[in-house]
C-alpha cells in the first residue's frame, strides 16, 4: 500500500512528532492515530450510541497509550469560586 500525504501541514506535524521521539516513523504515527480513534459506526459501550462517553477502562487505556506520559492529570483540591445568585 502506498499512502500519499498531500497537505504540507500534516507532513510537518508528523515530522515534528517524529523529531520529539513520540514516533519512530510514519507507520508508528499512523498506528497510534488509528488505534486511538473508533471505527465509524462502531458501537460504544455496547449500545451503538456514539454520544455516550467511553468507559473508564477505555479512557485509561487511551491515556496509557498516549505519547505524552509526562502530563499530570490530577484534580485540584481547591473549590471553584462560587457567587450568590439572586432570582
N, C-alpha and C. Protein backbone atom coordinates (compact mmCIF):
# COMPACT_ATOMS: atom_id res chain seq x y z
N UNK A 1 0.85 -1.18 0.00
CA UNK A 1 0.00 0.00 0.00
C UNK A 1 0.89 1.24 0.00
N UNK A 2 0.53 2.20 -0.79
CA UNK A 2 1.23 3.48 -0.82
C UNK A 2 0.27 4.55 -0.35
N UNK A 3 0.74 5.37 0.58
CA UNK A 3 -0.08 6.46 1.10
C UNK A 3 0.60 7.77 0.73
N UNK A 4 -0.15 8.67 0.12
CA UNK A 4 0.39 9.96 -0.28
C UNK A 4 -0.16 11.05 0.64
N UNK A 5 0.72 11.81 1.24
CA UNK A 5 0.30 12.93 2.09
C UNK A 5 0.36 14.18 1.23
N UNK A 6 -0.79 14.81 1.05
CA UNK A 6 -0.88 15.97 0.17
C UNK A 6 -0.88 17.30 0.91
N UNK A 7 -1.19 17.26 2.19
CA UNK A 7 -1.25 18.51 2.96
C UNK A 7 0.09 18.74 3.66
N UNK A 8 0.78 19.83 3.33
CA UNK A 8 2.10 20.09 3.91
C UNK A 8 2.05 20.24 5.44
N UNK A 9 0.93 20.76 5.96
CA UNK A 9 0.83 20.92 7.41
C UNK A 9 0.77 19.56 8.11
N UNK A 10 0.18 18.57 7.47
CA UNK A 10 0.14 17.22 8.04
C UNK A 10 1.53 16.61 8.03
N UNK A 11 2.23 16.77 6.92
CA UNK A 11 3.60 16.26 6.83
C UNK A 11 4.49 16.92 7.89
N UNK A 12 4.36 18.23 8.05
CA UNK A 12 5.15 18.95 9.06
C UNK A 12 4.82 18.46 10.46
N UNK A 13 3.54 18.20 10.72
CA UNK A 13 3.13 17.72 12.04
C UNK A 13 3.72 16.34 12.33
N UNK A 14 3.69 15.46 11.34
CA UNK A 14 4.26 14.12 11.52
C UNK A 14 5.76 14.22 11.77
N UNK A 15 6.46 15.06 11.01
CA UNK A 15 7.89 15.24 11.22
C UNK A 15 8.19 15.80 12.61
N UNK A 16 7.36 16.74 13.05
CA UNK A 16 7.54 17.34 14.38
C UNK A 16 7.41 16.28 15.47
N UNK A 17 6.41 15.41 15.35
CA UNK A 17 6.21 14.34 16.33
C UNK A 17 7.36 13.35 16.29
N UNK A 18 7.86 13.05 15.10
CA UNK A 18 8.97 12.12 14.99
C UNK A 18 10.24 12.72 15.60
N UNK A 19 10.47 14.02 15.40
CA UNK A 19 11.64 14.68 15.99
C UNK A 19 11.57 14.66 17.51
N UNK A 20 10.36 14.74 18.06
CA UNK A 20 10.20 14.75 19.52
C UNK A 20 10.44 13.37 20.13
N UNK A 21 10.47 12.35 19.28
CA UNK A 21 10.69 10.99 19.77
C UNK A 21 9.40 10.25 20.06
N UNK A 22 8.26 10.89 19.83
CA UNK A 22 6.98 10.25 20.11
C UNK A 22 6.74 9.08 19.15
N UNK A 23 7.21 9.23 17.91
CA UNK A 23 7.05 8.18 16.91
C UNK A 23 8.38 7.94 16.23
N UNK A 24 8.64 6.67 15.90
CA UNK A 24 9.89 6.34 15.23
C UNK A 24 9.80 6.59 13.72
N UNK A 25 8.62 6.38 13.17
CA UNK A 25 8.43 6.56 11.73
C UNK A 25 6.97 6.88 11.45
N UNK A 26 6.66 7.09 10.18
CA UNK A 26 5.30 7.46 9.77
C UNK A 26 4.32 6.34 10.10
N UNK A 27 4.72 5.09 9.91
CA UNK A 27 3.84 3.97 10.22
C UNK A 27 3.47 3.96 11.69
N UNK A 28 4.42 4.27 12.56
CA UNK A 28 4.16 4.33 14.00
C UNK A 28 3.11 5.40 14.31
N UNK A 29 3.21 6.55 13.65
CA UNK A 29 2.24 7.63 13.84
C UNK A 29 0.85 7.20 13.36
N UNK A 30 0.79 6.53 12.22
CA UNK A 30 -0.50 6.06 11.70
C UNK A 30 -1.13 5.02 12.61
N UNK A 31 -0.33 4.10 13.10
CA UNK A 31 -0.85 3.07 14.01
C UNK A 31 -1.46 3.72 15.24
N UNK A 32 -0.73 4.65 15.85
CA UNK A 32 -1.23 5.31 17.06
C UNK A 32 -2.51 6.09 16.78
N UNK A 33 -2.54 6.80 15.66
CA UNK A 33 -3.73 7.59 15.32
C UNK A 33 -4.94 6.70 15.09
N UNK A 34 -4.75 5.60 14.37
CA UNK A 34 -5.87 4.72 14.07
C UNK A 34 -6.34 3.94 15.29
N UNK A 35 -5.41 3.55 16.15
CA UNK A 35 -5.80 2.82 17.36
C UNK A 35 -6.56 3.71 18.34
N UNK A 36 -6.28 5.01 18.31
CA UNK A 36 -6.92 5.91 19.27
C UNK A 36 -8.27 6.43 18.78
N UNK A 37 -8.67 6.08 17.57
CA UNK A 37 -9.94 6.53 17.02
C UNK A 37 -10.86 5.33 16.80
N UNK A 38 -12.14 5.44 17.22
CA UNK A 38 -13.08 4.34 16.96
C UNK A 38 -13.42 4.26 15.48
N UNK A 39 -13.76 3.09 15.02
CA UNK A 39 -14.21 2.92 13.65
C UNK A 39 -15.56 3.62 13.48
N UNK A 40 -15.81 4.23 12.34
CA UNK A 40 -17.11 4.88 12.13
C UNK A 40 -18.25 3.86 12.26
N UNK A 41 -19.27 4.24 13.01
CA UNK A 41 -20.43 3.38 13.19
C UNK A 41 -20.23 2.26 14.18
N UNK A 42 -19.04 2.16 14.78
CA UNK A 42 -18.80 1.08 15.73
C UNK A 42 -19.49 1.43 17.04
N UNK A 43 -20.03 0.42 17.68
CA UNK A 43 -20.74 0.62 18.93
C UNK A 43 -19.79 1.07 20.03
N UNK A 44 -20.27 1.99 20.85
CA UNK A 44 -19.54 2.43 22.03
C UNK A 44 -20.34 1.97 23.24
N UNK A 45 -19.70 1.35 24.18
CA UNK A 45 -20.33 0.82 25.39
C UNK A 45 -21.40 -0.21 25.06
N UNK A 46 -21.31 -0.85 23.90
CA UNK A 46 -22.23 -1.90 23.54
C UNK A 46 -23.63 -1.43 23.19
N UNK A 47 -23.86 -0.12 23.08
CA UNK A 47 -25.21 0.39 22.84
C UNK A 47 -25.39 1.00 21.46
N UNK A 48 -24.29 1.24 20.75
CA UNK A 48 -24.41 1.85 19.43
C UNK A 48 -24.70 3.33 19.47
N UNK A 49 -24.71 3.94 20.65
CA UNK A 49 -24.98 5.37 20.80
C UNK A 49 -23.65 6.09 20.90
N UNK A 50 -23.24 6.79 19.84
CA UNK A 50 -21.92 7.43 19.83
C UNK A 50 -21.86 8.65 20.75
N UNK A 51 -22.99 9.07 21.30
CA UNK A 51 -22.96 10.21 22.22
C UNK A 51 -22.51 9.79 23.60
N UNK A 52 -22.55 8.50 23.91
CA UNK A 52 -22.13 8.03 25.23
C UNK A 52 -20.63 8.11 25.35
N UNK A 53 -20.12 8.61 26.48
CA UNK A 53 -18.67 8.65 26.66
C UNK A 53 -18.10 7.25 26.80
N UNK A 54 -16.82 7.12 26.48
CA UNK A 54 -16.15 5.82 26.60
C UNK A 54 -16.09 5.40 28.06
N UNK A 55 -16.05 4.10 28.26
CA UNK A 55 -15.96 3.57 29.62
C UNK A 55 -14.62 3.96 30.24
N UNK A 56 -14.54 3.92 31.55
CA UNK A 56 -13.31 4.27 32.25
C UNK A 56 -12.13 3.44 31.81
N UNK A 57 -12.34 2.14 31.58
CA UNK A 57 -11.23 1.29 31.17
C UNK A 57 -10.69 1.70 29.80
N UNK A 58 -11.59 2.13 28.90
CA UNK A 58 -11.15 2.60 27.59
C UNK A 58 -10.39 3.91 27.71
N UNK A 59 -10.82 4.78 28.61
CA UNK A 59 -10.14 6.04 28.84
C UNK A 59 -8.74 5.80 29.39
N UNK A 60 -8.63 4.91 30.38
CA UNK A 60 -7.32 4.60 30.97
C UNK A 60 -6.40 4.02 29.90
N UNK A 61 -6.91 3.11 29.07
CA UNK A 61 -6.09 2.52 28.01
C UNK A 61 -5.60 3.58 27.03
N UNK A 62 -6.48 4.52 26.68
CA UNK A 62 -6.08 5.59 25.77
C UNK A 62 -5.03 6.49 26.39
N UNK A 63 -5.18 6.78 27.68
CA UNK A 63 -4.20 7.62 28.36
C UNK A 63 -2.85 6.91 28.47
N UNK A 64 -2.86 5.61 28.71
CA UNK A 64 -1.62 4.85 28.81
C UNK A 64 -0.93 4.75 27.46
N UNK A 65 -1.69 4.77 26.37
CA UNK A 65 -1.10 4.69 25.04
C UNK A 65 -0.60 6.04 24.55
N UNK A 66 -0.92 7.11 25.26
CA UNK A 66 -0.54 8.45 24.85
C UNK A 66 0.98 8.63 24.86
N UNK A 67 1.52 9.32 23.85
CA UNK A 67 2.95 9.62 23.87
C UNK A 67 3.30 10.72 24.88
N UNK A 68 2.30 11.35 25.49
CA UNK A 68 2.52 12.44 26.44
C UNK A 68 2.36 11.95 27.87
N UNK A 69 3.18 11.00 28.28
CA UNK A 69 3.07 10.40 29.61
C UNK A 69 3.48 11.38 30.72
N UNK A 70 4.20 12.44 30.37
CA UNK A 70 4.64 13.39 31.39
C UNK A 70 3.53 14.33 31.86
N UNK A 71 2.41 14.35 31.19
CA UNK A 71 1.30 15.22 31.57
C UNK A 71 0.62 14.64 32.80
N UNK A 72 0.44 15.50 33.81
CA UNK A 72 -0.20 15.08 35.06
C UNK A 72 -1.66 15.53 35.03
N UNK A 73 -2.57 14.60 35.27
CA UNK A 73 -4.00 14.92 35.23
C UNK A 73 -4.64 14.81 36.60
N UNK A 74 -3.97 15.34 37.63
CA UNK A 74 -4.53 15.30 38.99
C UNK A 74 -5.56 16.41 39.16
N UNK A 75 -6.63 16.08 39.86
CA UNK A 75 -7.63 17.08 40.16
C UNK A 75 -7.16 17.95 41.31
N UNK A 76 -7.42 19.23 41.24
CA UNK A 76 -7.05 20.13 42.32
C UNK A 76 -7.98 19.97 43.50
N UNK A 77 -7.50 20.31 44.68
CA UNK A 77 -8.32 20.20 45.87
C UNK A 77 -9.04 21.51 46.20
N UNK A 78 -8.74 22.56 45.42
CA UNK A 78 -9.38 23.84 45.66
C UNK A 78 -10.79 23.84 45.10
N UNK A 79 -11.66 24.53 45.81
CA UNK A 79 -13.03 24.67 45.31
C UNK A 79 -13.08 25.77 44.27
N UNK A 80 -13.94 25.60 43.32
CA UNK A 80 -14.13 26.62 42.29
C UNK A 80 -14.82 27.83 42.93
N UNK A 81 -14.48 29.04 42.48
CA UNK A 81 -15.15 30.20 43.04
C UNK A 81 -16.64 30.19 42.73
N UNK A 82 -17.44 30.50 43.74
CA UNK A 82 -18.90 30.48 43.60
C UNK A 82 -19.44 31.81 44.08
N UNK A 83 -20.42 32.32 43.39
CA UNK A 83 -21.04 33.57 43.84
C UNK A 83 -22.51 33.33 44.07
N UNK A 84 -23.11 34.14 44.93
CA UNK A 84 -24.52 34.02 45.20
C UNK A 84 -25.34 34.46 44.00
N UNK A 85 -26.44 33.79 43.78
CA UNK A 85 -27.35 34.14 42.68
C UNK A 85 -28.69 34.52 43.27
N UNK A 86 -29.20 35.64 42.85
CA UNK A 86 -30.49 36.10 43.34
C UNK A 86 -31.49 35.97 42.20
N UNK A 87 -32.63 35.31 42.50
CA UNK A 87 -33.67 35.12 41.49
C UNK A 87 -34.78 36.09 41.71
